[in-house]
Amino acid sequence: MHDFTDEGTTTVEYAVATIAAAGFGIALILIARSEKVQNWIVGLIEKAMTVT
């Protein structure tokens, strides 16, 4: 029988977390590039800059 250890587990966990973070970042970029979201952001900024 083989005795398996946890050696390398931390490295794999970091790799999985890094890949997940990259995927999440790509998703955010794609969402932010959509015209609807851009219009919402511009409207939000314009509203914030309006003095009432």
PDB file of N, CA and C in Angstrom:
ATOM      1  N   MET A   1       0.839  -1.190   0.000  1.00  0.00           N
ATOM      2  CA  MET A   1       0.000   0.000   0.000  1.00  0.00           C
ATOM      3  C   MET A   1       0.879   1.246   0.000  1.00  0.00           C
ATOM      4  N   HIS A   2       0.302   2.292  -0.514  1.00  0.00           N
ATOM      5  CA  HIS A   2       1.008   3.564  -0.559  1.00  0.00           C
ATOM      6  C   HIS A   2       0.578   4.440   0.609  1.00  0.00           C
ATOM      7  N   ASP A   3       1.550   5.091   1.209  1.00  0.00           N
ATOM      8  CA  ASP A   3       1.249   6.084   2.229  1.00  0.00           C
ATOM      9  C   ASP A   3       1.259   7.450   1.564  1.00  0.00           C
ATOM     10  N   PHE A   4       0.100   8.071   1.478  1.00  0.00           N
ATOM     11  CA  PHE A   4       0.008   9.393   0.873  1.00  0.00           C
ATOM     12  C   PHE A   4       0.129  10.451   1.952  1.00  0.00           C
ATOM     13  N   THR A   5       0.845  11.500   1.635  1.00  0.00           N
ATOM     14  CA  THR A   5       0.996  12.614   2.568  1.00  0.00           C
ATOM     15  C   THR A   5       0.337  13.848   1.975  1.00  0.00           C
ATOM     16  N   ASP A   6       0.303  14.871   2.764  1.00  0.00           N
ATOM     17  CA  ASP A   6      -0.303  16.127   2.317  1.00  0.00           C
ATOM     18  C   ASP A   6       0.716  17.054   1.658  1.00  0.00           C
ATOM     19  N   GLU A   7       1.873  16.540   1.339  1.00  0.00           N
ATOM     20  CA  GLU A   7       2.894  17.370   0.699  1.00  0.00           C
ATOM     21  C   GLU A   7       2.372  17.871  -0.642  1.00  0.00           C
ATOM     22  N   GLY A   8       2.507  19.157  -0.866  1.00  0.00           N
ATOM     23  CA  GLY A   8       2.059  19.746  -2.113  1.00  0.00           C
ATOM     24  C   GLY A   8       0.605  20.190  -2.090  1.00  0.00           C
ATOM     25  N   THR A   9      -0.107  19.867  -1.027  1.00  0.00           N
ATOM     26  CA  THR A   9      -1.517  20.241  -0.946  1.00  0.00           C
ATOM     27  C   THR A   9      -1.690  21.753  -0.961  1.00  0.00           C
ATOM     28  N   THR A  10      -0.867  22.456  -0.211  1.00  0.00           N
ATOM     29  CA  THR A  10      -0.970  23.906  -0.153  1.00  0.00           C
ATOM     30  C   THR A  10      -0.734  24.519  -1.526  1.00  0.00           C
ATOM     31  N   THR A  11       0.232  24.013  -2.245  1.00  0.00           N
ATOM     32  CA  THR A  11       0.526  24.516  -3.585  1.00  0.00           C
ATOM     33  C   THR A  11      -0.669  24.326  -4.505  1.00  0.00           C
ATOM     34  N   VAL A  12      -1.296  23.195  -4.442  1.00  0.00           N
ATOM     35  CA  VAL A  12      -2.473  22.920  -5.269  1.00  0.00           C
ATOM     36  C   VAL A  12      -3.622  23.845  -4.873  1.00  0.00           C
ATOM     37  N   GLU A  13      -3.795  24.054  -3.581  1.00  0.00           N
ATOM     38  CA  GLU A  13      -4.859  24.952  -3.122  1.00  0.00           C
ATOM     39  C   GLU A  13      -4.631  26.371  -3.637  1.00  0.00           C
ATOM     40  N   TYR A  14      -3.389  26.837  -3.595  1.00  0.00           N
ATOM     41  CA  TYR A  14      -3.081  28.167  -4.129  1.00  0.00           C
ATOM     42  C   TYR A  14      -3.333  28.223  -5.630  1.00  0.00           C
ATOM     43  N   ALA A  15      -2.986  27.180  -6.333  1.00  0.00           N
ATOM     44  CA  ALA A  15      -3.199  27.141  -7.783  1.00  0.00           C
ATOM     45  C   ALA A  15      -4.685  27.188  -8.110  1.00  0.00           C
ATOM     46  N   VAL A  16      -5.473  26.420  -7.398  1.00  0.00           N
ATOM     47  CA  VAL A  16      -6.923  26.411  -7.633  1.00  0.00           C
ATOM     48  C   VAL A  16      -7.514  27.779  -7.305  1.00  0.00           C
ATOM     49  N   ALA A  17      -7.100  28.371  -6.202  1.00  0.00           N
ATOM     50  CA  ALA A  17      -7.602  29.697  -5.825  1.00  0.00           C
ATOM     51  C   ALA A  17      -7.198  30.749  -6.853  1.00  0.00           C
ATOM     52  N   THR A  18      -5.985  30.655  -7.381  1.00  0.00           N
ATOM     53  CA  THR A  18      -5.516  31.609  -8.383  1.00  0.00           C
ATOM     54  C   THR A  18      -6.315  31.478  -9.667  1.00  0.00           C
ATOM     55  N   ILE A  19      -6.574  30.265 -10.090  1.00  0.00           N
ATOM     56  CA  ILE A  19      -7.372  30.040 -11.304  1.00  0.00           C
ATOM     57  C   ILE A  19      -8.800  30.547 -11.099  1.00  0.00           C
ATOM     58  N   ALA A  20      -9.360  30.295  -9.933  1.00  0.00           N
ATOM     59  CA  ALA A  20     -10.719  30.767  -9.645  1.00  0.00           C
ATOM     60  C   ALA A  20     -10.771  32.293  -9.634  1.00  0.00           C
ATOM     61  N   ALA A  21      -9.769  32.931  -9.035  1.00  0.00           N
ATOM     62  CA  ALA A  21      -9.726  34.391  -8.998  1.00  0.00           C
ATOM     63  C   ALA A  21      -9.579  34.974 -10.399  1.00  0.00           C
ATOM     64  N   ALA A  22      -8.773  34.346 -11.228  1.00  0.00           N
ATOM     65  CA  ALA A  22      -8.604  34.809 -12.605  1.00  0.00           C
ATOM     66  C   ALA A  22      -9.913  34.676 -13.376  1.00  0.00           C
ATOM     67  N   GLY A  23     -10.602  33.579 -13.206  1.00  0.00           N
ATOM     68  CA  GLY A  23     -11.891  33.392 -13.859  1.00  0.00           C
ATOM     69  C   GLY A  23     -12.912  34.419 -13.404  1.00  0.00           C
ATOM     70  N   PHE A  24     -12.928  34.707 -12.110  1.00  0.00           N
ATOM     71  CA  PHE A  24     -13.834  35.715 -11.570  1.00  0.00           C
ATOM     72  C   PHE A  24     -13.497  37.093 -12.129  1.00  0.00           C
ATOM     73  N   GLY A  25     -12.205  37.390 -12.230  1.00  0.00           N
ATOM     74  CA  GLY A  25     -11.778  38.670 -12.801  1.00  0.00           C
ATOM     75  C   GLY A  25     -12.188  38.809 -14.255  1.00  0.00           C
ATOM     76  N   ILE A  26     -12.040  37.758 -15.017  1.00  0.00           N
ATOM     77  CA  ILE A  26     -12.452  37.783 -16.424  1.00  0.00           C
ATOM     78  C   ILE A  26     -13.957  38.011 -16.525  1.00  0.00           C
ATOM     79  N   ALA A  27     -14.722  37.339 -15.673  1.00  0.00           N
ATOM     80  CA  ALA A  27     -16.180  37.519 -15.681  1.00  0.00           C
ATOM     81  C   ALA A  27     -16.542  38.965 -15.367  1.00  0.00           C
ATOM     82  N   LEU A  28     -15.876  39.558 -14.383  1.00  0.00           N
ATOM     83  CA  LEU A  28     -16.152  40.959 -14.037  1.00  0.00           C
ATOM     84  C   LEU A  28     -15.817  41.897 -15.193  1.00  0.00           C
ATOM     85  N   ILE A  29     -14.712  41.641 -15.861  1.00  0.00           N
ATOM     86  CA  ILE A  29     -14.329  42.474 -17.006  1.00  0.00           C
ATOM     87  C   ILE A  29     -15.379  42.372 -18.106  1.00  0.00           C
ATOM     88  N   LEU A  30     -15.834  41.169 -18.406  1.00  0.00           N
ATOM     89  CA  LEU A  30     -16.841  40.989 -19.449  1.00  0.00           C
ATOM     90  C   LEU A  30     -18.146  41.688 -19.081  1.00  0.00           C
ATOM     91  N   ILE A  31     -18.529  41.597 -17.821  1.00  0.00           N
ATOM     92  CA  ILE A  31     -19.758  42.261 -17.376  1.00  0.00           C
ATOM     93  C   ILE A  31     -19.601  43.778 -17.462  1.00  0.00           C
ATOM     94  N   ALA A  32     -18.454  44.292 -17.003  1.00  0.00           N
ATOM     95  CA  ALA A  32     -18.227  45.739 -16.989  1.00  0.00           C
ATOM     96  C   ALA A  32     -18.136  46.318 -18.394  1.00  0.00           C
ATOM     97  N   ARG A  33     -17.789  45.505 -19.371  1.00  0.00           N
ATOM     98  CA  ARG A  33     -17.666  45.993 -20.748  1.00  0.00           C
ATOM     99  C   ARG A  33     -19.005  46.043 -21.464  1.00  0.00           C
ATOM    100  N   SER A  34     -20.044  45.499 -20.854  1.00  0.00           N
ATOM    101  CA  SER A  34     -21.347  45.523 -21.507  1.00  0.00           C
ATOM    102  C   SER A  34     -21.902  46.946 -21.499  1.00  0.00           C
ATOM    103  N   GLU A  35     -22.626  47.291 -22.539  1.00  0.00           N
ATOM    104  CA  GLU A  35     -23.149  48.652 -22.697  1.00  0.00           C
ATOM    105  C   GLU A  35     -24.116  49.010 -21.563  1.00  0.00           C
ATOM    106  N   LYS A  36     -24.921  48.074 -21.156  1.00  0.00           N
ATOM    107  CA  LYS A  36     -25.901  48.319 -20.087  1.00  0.00           C
ATOM    108  C   LYS A  36     -25.199  48.698 -18.782  1.00  0.00           C
ATOM    109  N   VAL A  37     -24.160  47.968 -18.440  1.00  0.00           N
ATOM    110  CA  VAL A  37     -23.427  48.247 -17.203  1.00  0.00           C
ATOM    111  C   VAL A  37     -22.679  49.570 -17.319  1.00  0.00           C
ATOM    112  N   GLN A  38     -22.082  49.833 -18.465  1.00  0.00           N
ATOM    113  CA  GLN A  38     -21.378  51.104 -18.665  1.00  0.00           C
ATOM    114  C   GLN A  38     -22.337  52.279 -18.518  1.00  0.00           C
ATOM    115  N   ASN A  39     -23.529  52.158 -19.094  1.00  0.00           N
ATOM    116  CA  ASN A  39     -24.519  53.230 -18.968  1.00  0.00           C
ATOM    117  C   ASN A  39     -24.934  53.424 -17.517  1.00  0.00           C
ATOM    118  N   TRP A  40     -25.087  52.327 -16.772  1.00  0.00           N
ATOM    119  CA  TRP A  40     -25.452  52.413 -15.369  1.00  0.00           C
ATOM    120  C   TRP A  40     -24.356  53.116 -14.567  1.00  0.00           C
ATOM    121  N   ILE A  41     -23.098  52.777 -14.847  1.00  0.00           N
ATOM    122  CA  ILE A  41     -21.973  53.388 -14.124  1.00  0.00           C
ATOM    123  C   ILE A  41     -21.892  54.880 -14.438  1.00  0.00           C
ATOM    124  N   VAL A  42     -22.027  55.239 -15.717  1.00  0.00           N
ATOM    125  CA  VAL A  42     -21.985  56.651 -16.099  1.00  0.00           C
ATOM    126  C   VAL A  42     -23.126  57.409 -15.429  1.00  0.00           C
ATOM    127  N   GLY A  43     -24.314  56.828 -15.423  1.00  0.00           N
ATOM    128  CA  GLY A  43     -25.457  57.464 -14.760  1.00  0.00           C
ATOM    129  C   GLY A  43     -25.216  57.639 -13.280  1.00  0.00           C
ATOM    130  N   LEU A  44     -24.626  56.655 -12.666  1.00  0.00           N
ATOM    131  CA  LEU A  44     -24.321  56.727 -11.233  1.00  0.00           C
ATOM    132  C   LEU A  44     -23.320  57.835 -10.947  1.00  0.00           C
ATOM    133  N   ILE A  45     -22.289  57.948 -11.773  1.00  0.00           N
ATOM    134  CA  ILE A  45     -21.276  58.988 -11.600  1.00  0.00           C
ATOM    135  C   ILE A  45     -21.896  60.365 -11.825  1.00  0.00           C
ATOM    136  N   GLU A  46     -22.702  60.496 -12.886  1.00  0.00           N
ATOM    137  CA  GLU A  46     -23.344  61.778 -13.158  1.00  0.00           C
ATOM    138  C   GLU A  46     -24.264  62.187 -12.006  1.00  0.00           C
ATOM    139  N   LYS A  47     -24.997  61.241 -11.463  1.00  0.00           N
ATOM    140  CA  LYS A  47     -25.883  61.525 -10.330  1.00  0.00           C
ATOM    141  C   LYS A  47     -25.071  61.961  -9.106  1.00  0.00           C
ATOM    142  N   ALA A  48     -23.946  61.315  -8.888  1.00  0.00           N
ATOM    143  CA  ALA A  48     -23.107  61.654  -7.741  1.00  0.00           C
ATOM    144  C   ALA A  48     -22.478  63.036  -7.879  1.00  0.00           C
ATOM    145  N   MET A  49     -22.234  63.450  -9.126  1.00  0.00           N
ATOM    146  CA  MET A  49     -21.590  64.755  -9.356  1.00  0.00           C
ATOM    147  C   MET A  49     -22.593  65.909  -9.416  1.00  0.00           C
ATOM    148  N   THR A  50     -23.870  65.588  -9.467  1.00  0.00           N
ATOM    149  CA  THR A  50     -24.896  66.629  -9.530  1.00  0.00           C
ATOM    150  C   THR A  50     -25.104  67.233  -8.154  1.00  0.00           C
ATOM    151  N   VAL A  51     -25.028  68.546  -8.112  1.00  0.00           N
ATOM    152  CA  VAL A  51     -25.239  69.256  -6.856  1.00  0.00           C
ATOM    153  C   VAL A  51     -26.719  69.598  -6.753  1.00  0.00           C
ATOM    154  N   THR A  52     -27.325  69.207  -5.646  1.00  0.00           N
ATOM    155  CA  THR A  52     -28.753  69.504  -5.471  1.00  0.00           C
ATOM    156  C   THR A  52     -28.984  70.547  -4.424  1.00  0.00           C
TER     157      THR A  52
END
